[in-house]
Protein backbone atom coordinates (compact mmCIF):
# COMPACT_ATOMS: atom_id res chain seq x y z
CA MET A 1 58.96 77.41 185.42
CA LYS A 2 57.84 74.11 186.93
CA ASN A 3 59.24 73.21 190.30
CA TYR A 4 60.23 69.57 189.87
CA TYR A 5 61.01 69.23 193.55
CA GLN A 6 57.41 70.07 194.42
CA ILE A 7 56.13 67.71 191.73
CA LEU A 8 58.12 64.84 193.23
CA GLU A 9 57.32 66.09 196.76
CA VAL A 10 60.97 66.14 197.85
CA ASP A 11 63.38 68.71 199.31
CA ARG A 12 65.88 70.53 197.06
CA ARG A 13 68.76 68.84 198.89
CA ALA A 14 67.30 65.35 198.41
CA SER A 15 69.72 62.63 197.29
CA LYS A 16 69.27 60.55 194.15
CA GLU A 17 67.97 57.63 196.23
CA VAL A 18 65.31 59.78 197.89
CA ILE A 19 64.25 61.19 194.52
CA GLU A 20 64.01 57.73 193.00
CA LYS A 21 61.99 56.40 195.94
CA ALA A 22 59.60 59.36 195.79
CA TYR A 23 59.26 58.93 192.03
CA ARG A 24 58.42 55.22 192.31
CA THR A 25 55.90 55.86 195.07
CA LEU A 26 54.14 58.62 193.13
CA VAL A 27 54.12 56.60 189.90
CA LYS A 28 52.33 53.80 191.71
CA LYS A 29 49.92 56.30 193.27
CA TYR A 30 49.06 58.11 190.02
CA HIS A 31 49.22 55.24 187.52
CA PRO A 32 46.36 55.78 185.00
CA ASP A 33 45.19 52.16 185.20
CA LEU A 34 44.11 52.72 188.80
CA TYR A 35 41.60 55.43 187.91
CA ALA A 36 38.25 55.58 186.18
CA THR A 37 37.93 57.21 182.74
CA ALA A 38 37.05 60.63 184.15
CA GLN A 39 40.18 60.83 186.32
CA LYS A 40 42.41 58.88 183.95
CA LYS A 41 43.44 61.95 181.92
CA GLU A 42 44.44 63.84 185.06
CA ALA A 43 46.48 60.85 186.20
CA GLU A 44 48.18 60.64 182.75
CA MET A 45 49.10 64.33 182.93
CA ARG A 46 50.41 63.88 186.47
CA LEU A 47 52.44 60.85 185.34
CA ARG A 48 53.98 62.87 182.47
CA GLU A 49 54.99 65.57 184.95
CA LEU A 50 56.49 62.95 187.26
CA ASN A 51 58.48 61.41 184.39
CA GLU A 52 59.73 64.82 183.27
CA ALA A 53 60.73 65.78 186.82
CA TYR A 54 62.47 62.47 187.44
CA ASN A 55 64.40 62.63 184.14
CA ILE A 56 65.76 66.06 185.04
CA LEU A 57 66.50 65.44 188.72
CA SER A 58 68.02 61.98 188.32
CA ASP A 59 70.70 63.23 185.88
CA ASP A 60 73.46 65.13 187.71
CA PHE A 61 74.26 67.51 184.83
CA LEU A 62 70.60 68.35 184.09
CA ARG A 63 69.85 68.75 187.78
CA GLU A 64 72.73 71.20 188.18
CA GLN A 65 71.46 73.27 185.25
CA TYR A 66 67.90 73.12 186.55
CA ASP A 67 68.99 74.24 190.03
CA PHE A 68 70.89 77.13 188.48
CA GLU A 69 67.84 78.21 186.46
CA LEU A 70 65.57 77.81 189.49
CA LYS A 71 67.90 79.94 191.58
CA LYS A 72 68.07 82.55 188.82
CA GLU A 73 64.28 82.68 188.65
CA SER A 74 63.98 83.17 192.40
CA VAL A 75 66.53 86.01 192.17
CA ARG A 76 64.43 87.60 189.41
CA LYS A 77 61.30 87.37 191.56
CA GLU A 78 63.13 89.01 194.46
CA GLU A 79 64.35 91.80 192.17
CA ASN A 80 60.81 92.50 191.02
CA GLN A 81 59.60 92.71 194.63
CA SER A 82 62.37 94.88 196.10
CA PRO A 83 64.30 97.87 194.71
CA ARG A 84 67.76 97.16 193.31
CA GLN A 85 70.79 98.11 195.32
CA ASN A 86 74.31 98.72 194.09
CA THR A 87 75.73 95.55 195.66
CA ASN A 88 72.92 93.51 194.12
CA ASP A 89 73.67 95.03 190.72
CA VAL A 90 77.23 93.72 190.77
CA GLN A 91 76.08 90.27 191.90
CA ASN A 92 73.31 90.18 189.30
CA GLU A 93 75.72 91.17 186.52
CA SER A 94 78.12 88.40 187.47
CA THR A 95 75.17 85.97 187.54
CA LYS A 96 74.11 87.20 184.08
CA GLU A 97 77.66 86.74 182.76
CA LYS A 98 77.74 83.17 184.06
CA THR A 99 74.32 82.48 182.56
CA ASN A 100 75.32 83.92 179.18
CA SER A 101 78.53 81.91 179.25
CA LYS A 102 76.63 78.69 179.91
CA ARG A 103 74.09 79.49 177.20
CA LYS A 104 76.86 80.14 174.66
CA THR A 105 78.50 76.87 175.65
CA MET A 106 75.23 74.99 175.18
CA LYS A 107 74.57 76.68 171.81
CA LYS A 108 78.05 75.78 170.58
CA LYS A 109 77.49 72.15 171.46
CA ASN A 110 76.88 71.55 167.75
CA ASP A 111 80.43 72.74 166.95
CA VAL A 112 81.99 69.95 169.00
CA GLY A 113 84.62 68.12 166.95
CA THR A 114 85.36 70.99 164.59
CA ILE A 115 88.29 73.40 164.66
CA PHE A 116 85.90 76.28 165.33
CA GLY A 117 84.47 74.34 168.25
CA ILE A 118 87.94 73.85 169.74
CA ILE A 119 88.77 77.54 169.32
CA GLU A 120 85.48 78.59 170.92
CA LEU A 121 85.98 76.15 173.80
CA ILE A 122 89.45 77.54 174.52
CA LYS A 123 88.09 81.11 174.31
CA GLU A 124 85.37 80.19 176.80
CA ILE A 125 87.98 78.82 179.19
CA PHE A 126 89.93 82.08 179.06
CA ASN A 127 86.81 84.26 179.20
CA THR A 128 85.53 82.64 182.39
CA THR A 129 88.32 84.20 184.42
CA PRO A 130 87.03 86.91 186.81
CA ARG A 131 86.80 90.41 185.43
CA LYS A 132 88.31 93.37 187.29
CA SER A 133 85.72 96.08 186.69
CA LYS A 134 82.71 97.03 184.63
CA LYS A 135 84.64 99.77 182.79
CA GLN A 136 87.33 97.35 181.64
CA ASN A 137 84.62 94.99 180.37
CA GLN A 138 83.03 97.80 178.34
CA THR A 139 86.32 98.94 176.82
CA ARG A 140 87.22 95.35 176.00
CA LYS A 141 83.90 94.82 174.21
CA GLU A 142 84.13 98.16 172.41
CA SER A 143 87.70 97.67 171.18
CA LYS A 144 87.88 96.54 167.58
CA GLY A 145 91.23 94.74 167.62
CA ILE A 146 92.02 91.11 168.15
CA ASP A 147 91.98 90.24 171.82
CA LYS A 148 94.83 88.56 173.70
CA THR A 149 92.60 85.56 174.37
CA ASP A 150 92.06 85.15 170.62
CA PHE A 151 95.81 84.72 170.10
CA MET A 152 96.08 82.34 173.02
CA ALA A 153 93.13 80.31 171.79
CA LEU A 154 94.58 80.15 168.29
CA GLY A 155 98.00 79.10 169.63
CA LEU A 156 96.51 76.40 171.83
CA THR A 157 94.39 75.16 168.92
CA ILE A 158 97.49 74.84 166.73
CA VAL A 159 99.27 72.94 169.50
CA VAL A 160 96.31 70.58 169.90
CA ILE A 161 96.17 69.97 166.13
CA ILE A 162 99.90 69.23 166.03
CA ILE A 163 99.59 66.78 168.93
CA ILE A 164 96.67 65.05 167.22
CA GLY A 165 98.74 64.86 164.01
CA ILE A 166 101.65 63.26 165.87
CA ILE A 167 99.32 60.73 167.47
CA LEU A 168 97.79 59.90 164.08
CA TRP A 169 101.29 59.53 162.63
CA LEU A 170 102.22 57.02 165.31
CA ILE A 171 99.12 54.86 164.85
CA PRO A 172 99.86 52.27 162.11
CA PHE A 173 96.29 52.34 160.80
CA THR A 174 96.35 56.10 160.09
CA ASN A 175 100.05 56.41 159.23
CA GLY A 176 99.47 55.82 155.50
CA TRP A 177 96.76 58.44 155.40
CA MET A 178 99.00 60.97 157.18
CA ARG A 179 101.88 60.26 154.78
CA GLN A 180 99.56 60.81 151.83
CA LEU A 181 98.27 64.04 153.38
CA LEU A 182 101.74 65.44 154.10
CA PHE A 183 103.78 64.27 151.11
CA GLU A 184 101.28 64.20 148.24
CA ASN A 185 99.15 67.23 149.04
CA PRO A 186 100.13 70.23 146.82
CA ILE A 187 99.72 72.71 149.67
CA PHE A 188 102.13 70.82 151.92
CA LYS A 189 104.54 70.34 148.97
CA LEU A 190 104.56 74.13 148.50
CA ILE A 191 105.20 74.68 152.23
CA GLY A 192 107.94 72.03 152.15
CA SER A 193 109.64 73.66 149.14
CA LEU A 194 109.75 76.99 151.02
CA PHE A 195 111.74 75.42 153.85
CA SER A 196 114.13 73.35 151.70
């Protein structure tokens, strides 16, 4: 994994202003137009690395993710150099859970705006609560029933959909569409006839 801090020649705790200043200085230093044809390709490659590093480190969200991955990689290197201890195992497992949770969240980014996306988001919120022990985690994963968080996520999803429906009902532009959906749709007519 590339160390963008070393590429930009800044400290890991550097502020955005320091990163931007270092980036501008290095871009001027390694601009391909300043070099002869033999060194031009090296300068172009260096400039690409600088652009990539600056794009990651200047964005707060991407920088946070990058720092997390960099920290995880350094932990992995330390694990390979020293034998694992029991306390490290617990810390590493919690780090792995956080990493897996973030990866799942990033993979489900495509589901944003769908009902399944809302359900998965609410599940993630409930699943990020601290776990009590490794045995409870294993029994929870091995159990084949529907989990308590599934019911809570489903209930919250229904509440969110109802609130969105009420908001759409109150907006004059979408009111006609909501009336058509509720009063002319055969499924809702059937549900309405059950309650009348």
